[in-house]
């Protein structure tokens, strides 16, 4: 989608940088858009890294400053920052109206490696949300991998879908959904899959309303209405990170018993439900008889 209006988006919403040093196994129950490395399940947590003894250079810590609307439409880091602002505005309204207490997640853009409340991670982990520190972690180079490695279609809405999915995990965290789910298991009907599909549905909710959500700074909607091509790109991104598609890409057979995120068709389905229905109730994957 295209950001619109005059002026700029406020800065300070996205932190940048990362830490070097030895990449050690982490944990803490992180949840992400896709498993890009072989996650190691132990004691019900997901290890984000592997201890390979390597050293990574440190990146300078900082924050993304104010970005113009033009920059939000052309620069990935500025787009990430602007998307975070748009998601903040939308979800504060939705959560508050539902009687909940809203808080913003942290958002960190990093390269190479980063320390988190869930342990250390590398860029190979893909985008993820860490519940203990309530922060979204993302290396924007993932968008290139989404297209080159997984056959997804890159584009503004595809990138915004990734951010909105991780933000959906934050909503699950602050509303108690994540605490109630049993995310230790795998399988096509597991709570792990239901958690991820609900985050896809929440991403669809935001996308469906983004051209109506008013930016307080510009007094205009954050984003122009979604075009058919943009929606196609977002659905293509959702399909690219389906468990079945990733298994096929890896050269192995499709095994639903090992799924943690859902099939391509399911991910597209639940994004579309959120996009069209636009309610928390419609996104209750835990009550759905069929995913």
C-alpha atoms as a PDB file:
ATOM      1  CA  UNK A   1       0.000   0.000   0.000  1.00  0.00           C
ATOM      2  CA  UNK A   2       1.079   3.581  -0.577  1.00  0.00           C
ATOM      3  CA  UNK A   3       1.462   6.040   2.282  1.00  0.00           C
ATOM      4  CA  UNK A   4      -0.193   9.351   1.580  1.00  0.00           C
ATOM      5  CA  UNK A   5      -0.450  12.875   2.909  1.00  0.00           C
ATOM      6  CA  UNK A   6       2.010  15.681   3.495  1.00  0.00           C
ATOM      7  CA  UNK A   7       4.644  16.064   6.167  1.00  0.00           C
ATOM      8  CA  UNK A   8       6.478  13.220   7.872  1.00  0.00           C
ATOM      9  CA  UNK A   9       6.045  10.336  10.239  1.00  0.00           C
ATOM     10  CA  UNK A  10       7.466  10.873  13.697  1.00  0.00           C
ATOM     11  CA  UNK A  11      10.812   9.321  14.498  1.00  0.00           C
ATOM     12  CA  UNK A  12      11.936   7.156  17.356  1.00  0.00           C
ATOM     13  CA  UNK A  13       9.534   4.300  16.700  1.00  0.00           C
ATOM     14  CA  UNK A  14      12.111   1.849  15.350  1.00  0.00           C
ATOM     15  CA  UNK A  15      15.483   1.134  16.921  1.00  0.00           C
ATOM     16  CA  UNK A  16      18.396  -0.035  14.815  1.00  0.00           C
ATOM     17  CA  UNK A  17      21.642  -1.914  15.262  1.00  0.00           C
ATOM     18  CA  UNK A  18      22.552  -5.183  16.877  1.00  0.00           C
ATOM     19  CA  UNK A  19      25.258  -6.880  18.819  1.00  0.00           C
ATOM     20  CA  UNK A  20      28.182  -8.948  17.708  1.00  0.00           C
ATOM     21  CA  UNK A  21      29.919 -11.724  19.570  1.00  0.00           C
ATOM     22  CA  UNK A  22      29.173 -15.396  19.730  1.00  0.00           C
ATOM     23  CA  UNK A  23      25.766 -16.440  18.487  1.00  0.00           C
ATOM     24  CA  UNK A  24      24.340 -18.634  21.210  1.00  0.00           C
ATOM     25  CA  UNK A  25      21.143 -20.619  21.404  1.00  0.00           C
ATOM     26  CA  UNK A  26      18.245 -18.638  22.754  1.00  0.00           C
ATOM     27  CA  UNK A  27      14.664 -19.389  23.687  1.00  0.00           C
ATOM     28  CA  UNK A  28      11.817 -17.705  25.490  1.00  0.00           C
ATOM     29  CA  UNK A  29       8.992 -18.787  23.216  1.00  0.00           C
ATOM     30  CA  UNK A  30       9.596 -16.411  20.306  1.00  0.00           C
ATOM     31  CA  UNK A  31       7.114 -16.546  17.450  1.00  0.00           C
ATOM     32  CA  UNK A  32       7.838 -15.615  13.873  1.00  0.00           C
ATOM     33  CA  UNK A  33       6.426 -15.378  10.404  1.00  0.00           C
ATOM     34  CA  UNK A  34       8.347 -18.377   9.138  1.00  0.00           C
ATOM     35  CA  UNK A  35      10.958 -20.839  10.281  1.00  0.00           C
ATOM     36  CA  UNK A  36      14.006 -20.131   8.113  1.00  0.00           C
ATOM     37  CA  UNK A  37      16.374 -22.323  10.089  1.00  0.00           C
ATOM     38  CA  UNK A  38      15.743 -25.581  11.852  1.00  0.00           C
ATOM     39  CA  UNK A  39      14.231 -24.476  15.142  1.00  0.00           C
ATOM     40  CA  UNK A  40      15.262 -26.627  18.077  1.00  0.00           C
ATOM     41  CA  UNK A  41      12.439 -27.335  20.480  1.00  0.00           C
ATOM     42  CA  UNK A  42      13.517 -27.804  24.082  1.00  0.00           C
ATOM     43  CA  UNK A  43      11.498 -27.240  27.230  1.00  0.00           C
ATOM     44  CA  UNK A  44       8.722 -25.714  25.175  1.00  0.00           C
ATOM     45  CA  UNK A  45      10.812 -22.839  23.843  1.00  0.00           C
ATOM     46  CA  UNK A  46      12.119 -22.016  20.404  1.00  0.00           C
ATOM     47  CA  UNK A  47      15.847 -21.567  20.082  1.00  0.00           C
ATOM     48  CA  UNK A  48      16.574 -18.745  17.703  1.00  0.00           C
ATOM     49  CA  UNK A  49      20.239 -19.366  17.070  1.00  0.00           C
ATOM     50  CA  UNK A  50      22.879 -22.029  16.807  1.00  0.00           C
ATOM     51  CA  UNK A  51      26.146 -21.965  18.676  1.00  0.00           C
ATOM     52  CA  UNK A  52      28.571 -22.209  15.768  1.00  0.00           C
ATOM     53  CA  UNK A  53      31.378 -20.317  17.446  1.00  0.00           C
ATOM     54  CA  UNK A  54      31.287 -17.550  14.872  1.00  0.00           C
ATOM     55  CA  UNK A  55      31.884 -13.892  15.563  1.00  0.00           C
ATOM     56  CA  UNK A  56      29.723 -11.151  14.136  1.00  0.00           C
ATOM     57  CA  UNK A  57      30.532  -7.440  14.017  1.00  0.00           C
ATOM     58  CA  UNK A  58      28.532  -5.091  16.187  1.00  0.00           C
ATOM     59  CA  UNK A  59      26.249  -2.512  14.620  1.00  0.00           C
ATOM     60  CA  UNK A  60      25.832   0.962  16.028  1.00  0.00           C
ATOM     61  CA  UNK A  61      22.691   1.406  18.074  1.00  0.00           C
ATOM     62  CA  UNK A  62      20.290   4.152  17.081  1.00  0.00           C
ATOM     63  CA  UNK A  63      16.732   4.994  16.155  1.00  0.00           C
ATOM     64  CA  UNK A  64      15.017   5.800  12.893  1.00  0.00           C
ATOM     65  CA  UNK A  65      14.315   9.507  12.716  1.00  0.00           C
ATOM     66  CA  UNK A  66      11.352  11.234  11.134  1.00  0.00           C
ATOM     67  CA  UNK A  67      10.629   9.951   7.621  1.00  0.00           C
ATOM     68  CA  UNK A  68       8.754  11.811   4.930  1.00  0.00           C
ATOM     69  CA  UNK A  69       5.828  10.182   3.163  1.00  0.00           C
ATOM     70  CA  UNK A  70       8.016   9.824   0.075  1.00  0.00           C
ATOM     71  CA  UNK A  71      10.715   8.070   2.096  1.00  0.00           C
ATOM     72  CA  UNK A  72       8.132   5.746   3.629  1.00  0.00           C
ATOM     73  CA  UNK A  73       7.189   4.711   0.102  1.00  0.00           C
ATOM     74  CA  UNK A  74      10.741   4.176  -1.148  1.00  0.00           C
ATOM     75  CA  UNK A  75      12.973   3.235   1.801  1.00  0.00           C
ATOM     76  CA  UNK A  76      12.420  -0.076   3.590  1.00  0.00           C
ATOM     77  CA  UNK A  77      13.481   1.093   7.035  1.00  0.00           C
ATOM     78  CA  UNK A  78      11.293   4.186   6.779  1.00  0.00           C
ATOM     79  CA  UNK A  79       8.439   1.996   5.566  1.00  0.00           C
ATOM     80  CA  UNK A  80       8.920  -0.193   8.634  1.00  0.00           C
ATOM     81  CA  UNK A  81       8.754   2.865  10.890  1.00  0.00           C
ATOM     82  CA  UNK A  82       5.689   4.307   9.159  1.00  0.00           C
ATOM     83  CA  UNK A  83       3.959   0.919   9.243  1.00  0.00           C
ATOM     84  CA  UNK A  84       4.616   0.681  12.987  1.00  0.00           C
ATOM     85  CA  UNK A  85       2.978   4.087  13.492  1.00  0.00           C
ATOM     86  CA  UNK A  86      -0.052   3.006  11.445  1.00  0.00           C
ATOM     87  CA  UNK A  87      -0.351  -0.248  13.359  1.00  0.00           C
ATOM     88  CA  UNK A  88      -0.081   1.597  16.681  1.00  0.00           C
ATOM     89  CA  UNK A  89      -2.999   3.847  15.808  1.00  0.00           C
ATOM     90  CA  UNK A  90      -5.180   1.015  14.541  1.00  0.00           C
ATOM     91  CA  UNK A  91      -4.583  -1.462  17.341  1.00  0.00           C
ATOM     92  CA  UNK A  92      -4.840   1.070  20.157  1.00  0.00           C
ATOM     93  CA  UNK A  93      -8.378   1.782  18.981  1.00  0.00           C
ATOM     94  CA  UNK A  94      -9.321  -1.888  18.493  1.00  0.00           C
ATOM     95  CA  UNK A  95      -7.890  -3.146  21.786  1.00  0.00           C
ATOM     96  CA  UNK A  96      -9.269  -0.232  23.809  1.00  0.00           C
ATOM     97  CA  UNK A  97     -12.746  -0.609  22.322  1.00  0.00           C
ATOM     98  CA  UNK A  98     -12.615  -4.311  23.204  1.00  0.00           C
ATOM     99  CA  UNK A  99     -11.963  -3.373  26.843  1.00  0.00           C
ATOM    100  CA  UNK A 100      -8.273  -4.245  26.861  1.00  0.00           C
ATOM    101  CA  UNK A 101      -5.167  -2.352  27.886  1.00  0.00           C
ATOM    102  CA  UNK A 102      -3.029  -1.390  24.918  1.00  0.00           C
ATOM    103  CA  UNK A 103       0.726  -1.001  24.842  1.00  0.00           C
ATOM    104  CA  UNK A 104       3.014  -0.549  21.878  1.00  0.00           C
ATOM    105  CA  UNK A 105       5.579  -3.227  21.023  1.00  0.00           C
ATOM    106  CA  UNK A 106       9.188  -2.362  20.513  1.00  0.00           C
ATOM    107  CA  UNK A 107      10.387  -2.615  16.922  1.00  0.00           C
ATOM    108  CA  UNK A 108      14.023  -3.306  16.109  1.00  0.00           C
ATOM    109  CA  UNK A 109      15.664  -3.420  12.699  1.00  0.00           C
ATOM    110  CA  UNK A 110      18.952  -5.333  12.832  1.00  0.00           C
ATOM    111  CA  UNK A 111      21.563  -6.970  10.661  1.00  0.00           C
ATOM    112  CA  UNK A 112      23.705 -10.055  11.304  1.00  0.00           C
ATOM    113  CA  UNK A 113      22.752 -10.743  14.918  1.00  0.00           C
ATOM    114  CA  UNK A 114      20.901  -9.320  17.881  1.00  0.00           C
ATOM    115  CA  UNK A 115      20.353 -10.017  21.589  1.00  0.00           C
ATOM    116  CA  UNK A 116      16.737 -10.337  22.649  1.00  0.00           C
ATOM    117  CA  UNK A 117      14.694 -11.283  25.671  1.00  0.00           C
ATOM    118  CA  UNK A 118      14.352 -14.674  23.976  1.00  0.00           C
ATOM    119  CA  UNK A 119      18.087 -15.171  23.520  1.00  0.00           C
ATOM    120  CA  UNK A 120      20.470 -14.347  20.690  1.00  0.00           C
ATOM    121  CA  UNK A 121      19.322 -14.491  17.083  1.00  0.00           C
ATOM    122  CA  UNK A 122      20.752 -14.142  13.610  1.00  0.00           C
ATOM    123  CA  UNK A 123      19.199 -12.770  10.456  1.00  0.00           C
ATOM    124  CA  UNK A 124      18.636 -16.395   9.422  1.00  0.00           C
ATOM    125  CA  UNK A 125      15.893 -16.573  12.054  1.00  0.00           C
ATOM    126  CA  UNK A 126      13.635 -14.433   9.914  1.00  0.00           C
ATOM    127  CA  UNK A 127      11.293 -11.801  11.403  1.00  0.00           C
ATOM    128  CA  UNK A 128       9.998 -12.696  14.866  1.00  0.00           C
ATOM    129  CA  UNK A 129       8.279 -11.348  17.961  1.00  0.00           C
ATOM    130  CA  UNK A 130       9.744 -11.953  21.420  1.00  0.00           C
ATOM    131  CA  UNK A 131       7.085 -11.967  24.182  1.00  0.00           C
ATOM    132  CA  UNK A 132       9.434 -11.449  27.171  1.00  0.00           C
ATOM    133  CA  UNK A 133      10.633  -8.073  25.883  1.00  0.00           C
ATOM    134  CA  UNK A 134       7.510  -7.372  23.766  1.00  0.00           C
ATOM    135  CA  UNK A 135       9.588  -6.494  20.724  1.00  0.00           C
ATOM    136  CA  UNK A 136       9.427  -7.215  17.000  1.00  0.00           C
ATOM    137  CA  UNK A 137      12.813  -8.061  15.461  1.00  0.00           C
ATOM    138  CA  UNK A 138      13.335  -7.801  11.722  1.00  0.00           C
ATOM    139  CA  UNK A 139      16.183  -7.662   9.233  1.00  0.00           C
ATOM    140  CA  UNK A 140      14.754  -5.861   6.196  1.00  0.00           C
ATOM    141  CA  UNK A 141      16.937  -8.004   3.910  1.00  0.00           C
ATOM    142  CA  UNK A 142      14.374 -10.746   4.622  1.00  0.00           C
ATOM    143  CA  UNK A 143      12.162  -9.175   1.977  1.00  0.00           C
ATOM    144  CA  UNK A 144      14.712 -10.105  -0.674  1.00  0.00           C
ATOM    145  CA  UNK A 145      14.842 -13.667   0.670  1.00  0.00           C
ATOM    146  CA  UNK A 146      11.053 -13.853   0.634  1.00  0.00           C
ATOM    147  CA  UNK A 147      11.217 -13.376  -3.119  1.00  0.00           C
ATOM    148  CA  UNK A 148      14.461 -15.157  -4.006  1.00  0.00           C
ATOM    149  CA  UNK A 149      14.265 -18.176  -1.694  1.00  0.00           C
ATOM    150  CA  UNK A 150      10.558 -18.708  -1.199  1.00  0.00           C
ATOM    151  CA  UNK A 151       9.049 -17.467  -4.424  1.00  0.00           C
ATOM    152  CA  UNK A 152       7.008 -14.720  -2.806  1.00  0.00           C
ATOM    153  CA  UNK A 153       6.304 -11.424  -4.504  1.00  0.00           C
ATOM    154  CA  UNK A 154       7.987  -8.409  -2.989  1.00  0.00           C
ATOM    155  CA  UNK A 155       6.089  -5.133  -2.786  1.00  0.00           C
ATOM    156  CA  UNK A 156       4.979  -2.565  -0.202  1.00  0.00           C
ATOM    157  CA  UNK A 157       1.951  -4.492   1.052  1.00  0.00           C
ATOM    158  CA  UNK A 158       3.912  -7.750   1.143  1.00  0.00           C
ATOM    159  CA  UNK A 159       6.486  -6.040   3.385  1.00  0.00           C
ATOM    160  CA  UNK A 160       3.793  -4.434   5.506  1.00  0.00           C
ATOM    161  CA  UNK A 161       2.099  -7.832   5.872  1.00  0.00           C
ATOM    162  CA  UNK A 162       5.273  -9.194   7.474  1.00  0.00           C
ATOM    163  CA  UNK A 163       5.341  -6.370  10.032  1.00  0.00           C
ATOM    164  CA  UNK A 164       1.600  -6.607  10.651  1.00  0.00           C
ATOM    165  CA  UNK A 165       1.866 -10.369  11.266  1.00  0.00           C
ATOM    166  CA  UNK A 166       4.517  -9.868  13.953  1.00  0.00           C
ATOM    167  CA  UNK A 167       2.450  -7.044  15.450  1.00  0.00           C
ATOM    168  CA  UNK A 168      -0.410  -9.520  15.591  1.00  0.00           C
ATOM    169  CA  UNK A 169       1.680 -11.658  17.933  1.00  0.00           C
ATOM    170  CA  UNK A 170       2.045  -8.634  20.203  1.00  0.00           C
ATOM    171  CA  UNK A 171      -1.730  -8.258  20.291  1.00  0.00           C
ATOM    172  CA  UNK A 172      -1.963 -11.936  21.261  1.00  0.00           C
ATOM    173  CA  UNK A 173       0.586 -11.290  23.986  1.00  0.00           C
ATOM    174  CA  UNK A 174      -1.129  -8.293  25.596  1.00  0.00           C
ATOM    175  CA  UNK A 175      -4.616  -9.804  25.347  1.00  0.00           C
ATOM    176  CA  UNK A 176      -3.617 -13.102  26.959  1.00  0.00           C
ATOM    177  CA  UNK A 177      -4.112 -15.315  23.912  1.00  0.00           C
ATOM    178  CA  UNK A 178      -0.484 -16.331  23.831  1.00  0.00           C
ATOM    179  CA  UNK A 179      -0.446 -17.380  27.479  1.00  0.00           C
ATOM    180  CA  UNK A 180      -3.475 -19.603  26.988  1.00  0.00           C
ATOM    181  CA  UNK A 181      -2.189 -21.351  23.869  1.00  0.00           C
ATOM    182  CA  UNK A 182      -0.117 -24.507  24.036  1.00  0.00           C
ATOM    183  CA  UNK A 183       2.619 -23.586  21.586  1.00  0.00           C
ATOM    184  CA  UNK A 184       4.829 -26.571  22.307  1.00  0.00           C
ATOM    185  CA  UNK A 185       3.208 -28.916  19.837  1.00  0.00           C
ATOM    186  CA  UNK A 186       3.215 -29.266  16.094  1.00  0.00           C
ATOM    187  CA  UNK A 187       0.646 -30.430  13.584  1.00  0.00           C
ATOM    188  CA  UNK A 188      -1.960 -29.045  11.237  1.00  0.00           C
ATOM    189  CA  UNK A 189      -4.495 -28.564  14.056  1.00  0.00           C
ATOM    190  CA  UNK A 190      -2.049 -27.533  16.793  1.00  0.00           C
ATOM    191  CA  UNK A 191      -2.192 -24.392  18.888  1.00  0.00           C
ATOM    192  CA  UNK A 192       1.083 -23.380  17.241  1.00  0.00           C
ATOM    193  CA  UNK A 193      -0.630 -23.265  13.861  1.00  0.00           C
ATOM    194  CA  UNK A 194      -3.722 -21.554  15.293  1.00  0.00           C
ATOM    195  CA  UNK A 195      -1.481 -18.899  16.860  1.00  0.00           C
ATOM    196  CA  UNK A 196       0.208 -18.148  13.550  1.00  0.00           C
ATOM    197  CA  UNK A 197      -3.007 -18.137  11.524  1.00  0.00           C
ATOM    198  CA  UNK A 198      -4.588 -15.729  13.989  1.00  0.00           C
ATOM    199  CA  UNK A 199      -1.602 -13.394  13.548  1.00  0.00           C
ATOM    200  CA  UNK A 200      -2.207 -13.593   9.782  1.00  0.00           C
ATOM    201  CA  UNK A 201      -5.858 -12.747  10.382  1.00  0.00           C
ATOM    202  CA  UNK A 202      -4.882  -9.784  12.543  1.00  0.00           C
ATOM    203  CA  UNK A 203      -2.589  -8.594   9.746  1.00  0.00           C
ATOM    204  CA  UNK A 204      -5.568  -8.769   7.409  1.00  0.00           C
ATOM    205  CA  UNK A 205      -7.692  -6.772   9.849  1.00  0.00           C
ATOM    206  CA  UNK A 206      -5.177  -3.942   9.804  1.00  0.00           C
ATOM    207  CA  UNK A 207      -4.738  -4.034   6.030  1.00  0.00           C
ATOM    208  CA  UNK A 208      -8.480  -3.881   5.489  1.00  0.00           C
ATOM    209  CA  UNK A 209      -8.769  -0.741   7.600  1.00  0.00           C
ATOM    210  CA  UNK A 210      -5.461   0.988   6.839  1.00  0.00           C
ATOM    211  CA  UNK A 211      -6.930   3.280   4.189  1.00  0.00           C
ATOM    212  CA  UNK A 212      -9.485   4.432   6.779  1.00  0.00           C
ATOM    213  CA  UNK A 213      -7.228   4.790   9.838  1.00  0.00           C
ATOM    214  CA  UNK A 214      -6.424   8.482  10.264  1.00  0.00           C
ATOM    215  CA  UNK A 215      -2.866   9.608  10.839  1.00  0.00           C
ATOM    216  CA  UNK A 216      -3.086  12.151  13.700  1.00  0.00           C
ATOM    217  CA  UNK A 217      -0.151  14.078  12.247  1.00  0.00           C
ATOM    218  CA  UNK A 218      -1.570  14.591   8.746  1.00  0.00           C
ATOM    219  CA  UNK A 219      -5.308  14.278   9.532  1.00  0.00           C
ATOM    220  CA  UNK A 220      -5.548  11.976   6.521  1.00  0.00           C
ATOM    221  CA  UNK A 221      -5.660   8.190   6.210  1.00  0.00           C
ATOM    222  CA  UNK A 222      -2.241   6.585   6.542  1.00  0.00           C
ATOM    223  CA  UNK A 223      -2.534   4.652   3.315  1.00  0.00           C
ATOM    224  CA  UNK A 224      -4.221   4.872  -0.028  1.00  0.00           C
ATOM    225  CA  UNK A 225      -6.779   2.157  -0.823  1.00  0.00           C
ATOM    226  CA  UNK A 226      -5.278  -1.230  -1.625  1.00  0.00           C
ATOM    227  CA  UNK A 227      -5.057  -2.096  -5.303  1.00  0.00           C
ATOM    228  CA  UNK A 228      -5.732  -5.555  -6.699  1.00  0.00           C
ATOM    229  CA  UNK A 229      -2.036  -6.009  -7.490  1.00  0.00           C
ATOM    230  CA  UNK A 230      -0.992  -5.023  -3.968  1.00  0.00           C
ATOM    231  CA  UNK A 231      -3.454  -7.473  -2.434  1.00  0.00           C
ATOM    232  CA  UNK A 232      -2.119 -10.152  -4.775  1.00  0.00           C
ATOM    233  CA  UNK A 233       1.419  -9.451  -3.525  1.00  0.00           C
ATOM    234  CA  UNK A 234       0.362  -9.764   0.116  1.00  0.00           C
ATOM    235  CA  UNK A 235      -1.461 -13.026  -0.523  1.00  0.00           C
ATOM    236  CA  UNK A 236       1.555 -14.253  -2.457  1.00  0.00           C
ATOM    237  CA  UNK A 237       3.775 -13.492   0.528  1.00  0.00           C
ATOM    238  CA  UNK A 238       1.397 -15.389   2.814  1.00  0.00           C
ATOM    239  CA  UNK A 239       1.467 -18.385   0.468  1.00  0.00           C
ATOM    240  CA  UNK A 240       5.267 -18.304   0.226  1.00  0.00           C
ATOM    241  CA  UNK A 241       5.646 -18.844   3.970  1.00  0.00           C
ATOM    242  CA  UNK A 242       3.158 -21.723   4.231  1.00  0.00           C
ATOM    243  CA  UNK A 243       4.577 -24.842   5.857  1.00  0.00           C
ATOM    244  CA  UNK A 244       3.693 -27.036   2.891  1.00  0.00           C
ATOM    245  CA  UNK A 245       5.349 -24.671   0.418  1.00  0.00           C
ATOM    246  CA  UNK A 246       8.525 -24.462   2.496  1.00  0.00           C
ATOM    247  CA  UNK A 247       8.665 -28.251   2.784  1.00  0.00           C
ATOM    248  CA  UNK A 248       8.269 -28.554  -0.963  1.00  0.00           C
ATOM    249  CA  UNK A 249      10.965 -25.924  -1.530  1.00  0.00           C
ATOM    250  CA  UNK A 250      13.354 -27.871   0.675  1.00  0.00           C
ATOM    251  CA  UNK A 251      12.936 -30.924  -1.520  1.00  0.00           C
ATOM    252  CA  UNK A 252      11.145 -33.028   1.056  1.00  0.00           C
ATOM    253  CA  UNK A 253       7.631 -34.333   1.228  1.00  0.00           C
ATOM    254  CA  UNK A 254       4.750 -32.434   2.794  1.00  0.00           C
ATOM    255  CA  UNK A 255       4.238 -33.592   6.388  1.00  0.00           C
ATOM    256  CA  UNK A 256       1.358 -31.841   8.188  1.00  0.00           C
ATOM    257  CA  UNK A 257       2.368 -33.471  11.481  1.00  0.00           C
ATOM    258  CA  UNK A 258       5.385 -31.146  11.665  1.00  0.00           C
ATOM    259  CA  UNK A 259       3.581 -27.911  10.775  1.00  0.00           C
ATOM    260  CA  UNK A 260       3.910 -24.907  13.075  1.00  0.00           C
ATOM    261  CA  UNK A 261       2.530 -22.106  10.886  1.00  0.00           C
ATOM    262  CA  UNK A 262      -0.120 -23.558   8.588  1.00  0.00           C
ATOM    263  CA  UNK A 263      -0.356 -24.276   4.885  1.00  0.00           C
ATOM    264  CA  UNK A 264      -0.179 -21.668   2.144  1.00  0.00           C
ATOM    265  CA  UNK A 265      -3.925 -21.938   1.564  1.00  0.00           C
ATOM    266  CA  UNK A 266      -4.652 -21.541   5.271  1.00  0.00           C
ATOM    267  CA  UNK A 267      -2.438 -18.479   5.601  1.00  0.00           C
ATOM    268  CA  UNK A 268      -4.124 -16.840   2.641  1.00  0.00           C
ATOM    269  CA  UNK A 269      -7.542 -17.824   3.962  1.00  0.00           C
ATOM    270  CA  UNK A 270      -7.068 -16.279   7.389  1.00  0.00           C
ATOM    271  CA  UNK A 271      -5.469 -13.106   6.080  1.00  0.00           C
ATOM    272  CA  UNK A 272      -8.508 -12.741   3.816  1.00  0.00           C
ATOM    273  CA  UNK A 273     -10.928 -13.372   6.700  1.00  0.00           C
ATOM    274  CA  UNK A 274      -9.320 -10.575   8.678  1.00  0.00           C
ATOM    275  CA  UNK A 275      -9.259  -8.310   5.635  1.00  0.00           C
ATOM    276  CA  UNK A 276     -12.926  -8.849   4.820  1.00  0.00           C
ATOM    277  CA  UNK A 277     -14.490  -9.315   8.280  1.00  0.00           C
ATOM    278  CA  UNK A 278     -12.316  -6.924  10.285  1.00  0.00           C
ATOM    279  CA  UNK A 279     -13.193  -8.191  13.772  1.00  0.00           C
ATOM    280  CA  UNK A 280     -11.390  -9.949  16.597  1.00  0.00           C
ATOM    281  CA  UNK A 281     -14.230 -12.445  16.780  1.00  0.00           C
ATOM    282  CA  UNK A 282     -13.825 -13.455  13.133  1.00  0.00           C
ATOM    283  CA  UNK A 283     -10.119 -14.083  13.808  1.00  0.00           C
ATOM    284  CA  UNK A 284     -10.718 -16.533  16.656  1.00  0.00           C
ATOM    285  CA  UNK A 285      -8.819 -19.434  15.146  1.00  0.00           C
ATOM    286  CA  UNK A 286      -8.878 -21.270  18.478  1.00  0.00           C
ATOM    287  CA  UNK A 287     -12.640 -21.710  18.272  1.00  0.00           C
ATOM    288  CA  UNK A 288     -12.675 -22.622  14.577  1.00  0.00           C
ATOM    289  CA  UNK A 289     -13.711 -26.206  13.840  1.00  0.00           C
ATOM    290  CA  UNK A 290     -11.793 -26.119  10.581  1.00  0.00           C
ATOM    291  CA  UNK A 291      -8.663 -24.137   9.741  1.00  0.00           C
END
